[in-house]
Amino acid sequence: MARMRIRYTDWPRPALVLTDTPRPNCVACDGQGGHNRAFGHPATGEYDGTEWEPCPCWDDRRVHTLLPIPRFPRRVRDDHSTEPPF
């Protein structure tokens, strides 16, 4: 069963979307949707960073656009104007 919520996103364009949420009583991720996994460099074994490993109880790609939000054009600044700023 999907557990949906409304969220704002700005990629690929600004919109309000309906998205899935992690299962709150999941034993594997404790409701966080996944966990960080530290990994080492293959040759030296030294710490090389962390990766986010999503839990199977949640699909973060399940997204439905509810309301696209228009992008407003940026104002063009004229830094070389001879007019006073008032």
Protein backbone atom coordinates (compact mmCIF):
# COMPACT_ATOMS: atom_id res chain seq x y z
CA MET A 1 0.00 0.00 0.00
CA ALA A 2 1.38 3.42 -0.95
CA ARG A 3 1.88 6.07 1.72
CA MET A 4 1.68 9.31 -0.26
CA ARG A 5 2.58 12.88 0.73
CA ILE A 6 2.76 16.27 -1.01
CA ARG A 7 6.26 17.65 -1.62
CA TYR A 8 7.86 20.58 -3.49
CA THR A 9 10.46 19.74 -6.12
CA ASP A 10 12.51 21.96 -8.39
CA TRP A 11 13.90 19.36 -10.79
CA PRO A 12 13.33 19.02 -13.72
CA ARG A 13 10.98 21.97 -13.19
CA PRO A 14 9.29 23.51 -10.12
CA ALA A 15 6.15 21.62 -9.09
CA LEU A 16 4.11 20.23 -6.24
CA VAL A 17 4.24 16.44 -6.46
CA LEU A 18 2.60 13.50 -4.76
CA THR A 19 5.32 11.06 -3.72
CA ASP A 20 5.69 7.80 -1.80
CA THR A 21 7.06 7.76 1.77
CA PRO A 22 8.96 5.00 3.60
CA ARG A 23 6.98 2.52 5.69
CA PRO A 24 7.17 3.89 9.28
CA ASN A 25 7.39 0.47 10.95
CA CYS A 26 9.98 -1.06 8.55
CA VAL A 27 12.48 -3.23 10.43
CA ALA A 28 15.29 -2.75 7.89
CA CYS A 29 15.36 1.07 7.74
CA ASP A 30 13.39 2.06 10.87
CA GLY A 31 11.17 4.34 8.75
CA GLN A 32 14.05 6.37 7.29
CA GLY A 33 13.78 4.97 3.75
CA GLY A 34 17.31 3.59 3.72
CA HIS A 35 20.66 3.99 5.41
CA ASN A 36 24.17 5.27 4.77
CA ARG A 37 26.77 2.64 3.98
CA ALA A 38 30.45 3.42 4.44
CA PHE A 39 32.83 1.85 1.95
CA GLY A 40 36.58 1.60 1.55
CA HIS A 41 38.99 2.07 -1.33
CA PRO A 42 39.38 -1.24 -3.23
CA ALA A 43 43.20 -1.18 -3.25
CA THR A 44 44.07 0.33 0.14
CA GLY A 45 40.99 -0.46 2.22
CA GLU A 46 40.97 3.12 3.57
CA TYR A 47 37.69 4.97 4.07
CA ASP A 48 36.51 6.33 0.71
CA GLY A 49 33.07 7.78 1.48
CA THR A 50 29.47 6.82 2.08
CA GLU A 51 26.59 5.88 -0.20
CA TRP A 52 22.86 6.11 0.41
CA GLU A 53 21.33 2.67 0.12
CA PRO A 54 17.52 2.88 -0.28
CA CYS A 55 15.27 0.36 1.44
CA PRO A 56 12.92 -1.86 -0.62
CA CYS A 57 9.94 -0.60 1.44
CA TRP A 58 10.13 2.72 -0.41
CA ASP A 59 10.27 3.77 -4.05
CA ASP A 60 11.43 7.39 -4.31
CA ARG A 61 10.83 7.34 -8.10
CA ARG A 62 7.07 6.96 -7.65
CA VAL A 63 6.11 10.60 -8.22
CA HIS A 64 2.96 12.18 -9.66
CA THR A 65 2.91 15.89 -10.55
CA LEU A 66 -0.04 17.69 -9.01
CA LEU A 67 0.64 21.32 -9.86
CA PRO A 68 3.42 22.67 -12.09
CA ILE A 69 4.75 25.98 -10.75
CA PRO A 70 5.72 28.55 -13.40
CA ARG A 71 9.21 29.97 -13.51
CA PHE A 72 9.28 33.73 -13.35
CA PRO A 73 11.73 35.48 -15.66
CA ARG A 74 14.77 36.94 -13.96
CA ARG A 75 15.08 40.69 -13.89
CA VAL A 76 17.92 41.98 -15.95
CA ARG A 77 20.27 44.10 -13.87
CA ASP A 78 21.95 47.00 -15.56
CA ASP A 79 25.07 47.70 -13.49
CA HIS A 80 26.29 50.39 -15.87
CA SER A 81 23.32 52.72 -15.72
CA THR A 82 23.78 56.45 -15.24
CA GLU A 83 20.43 56.75 -13.43
CA PRO A 84 20.41 57.10 -9.63
CA PRO A 85 19.16 54.00 -7.76
CA PHE A 86 16.15 55.83 -6.25
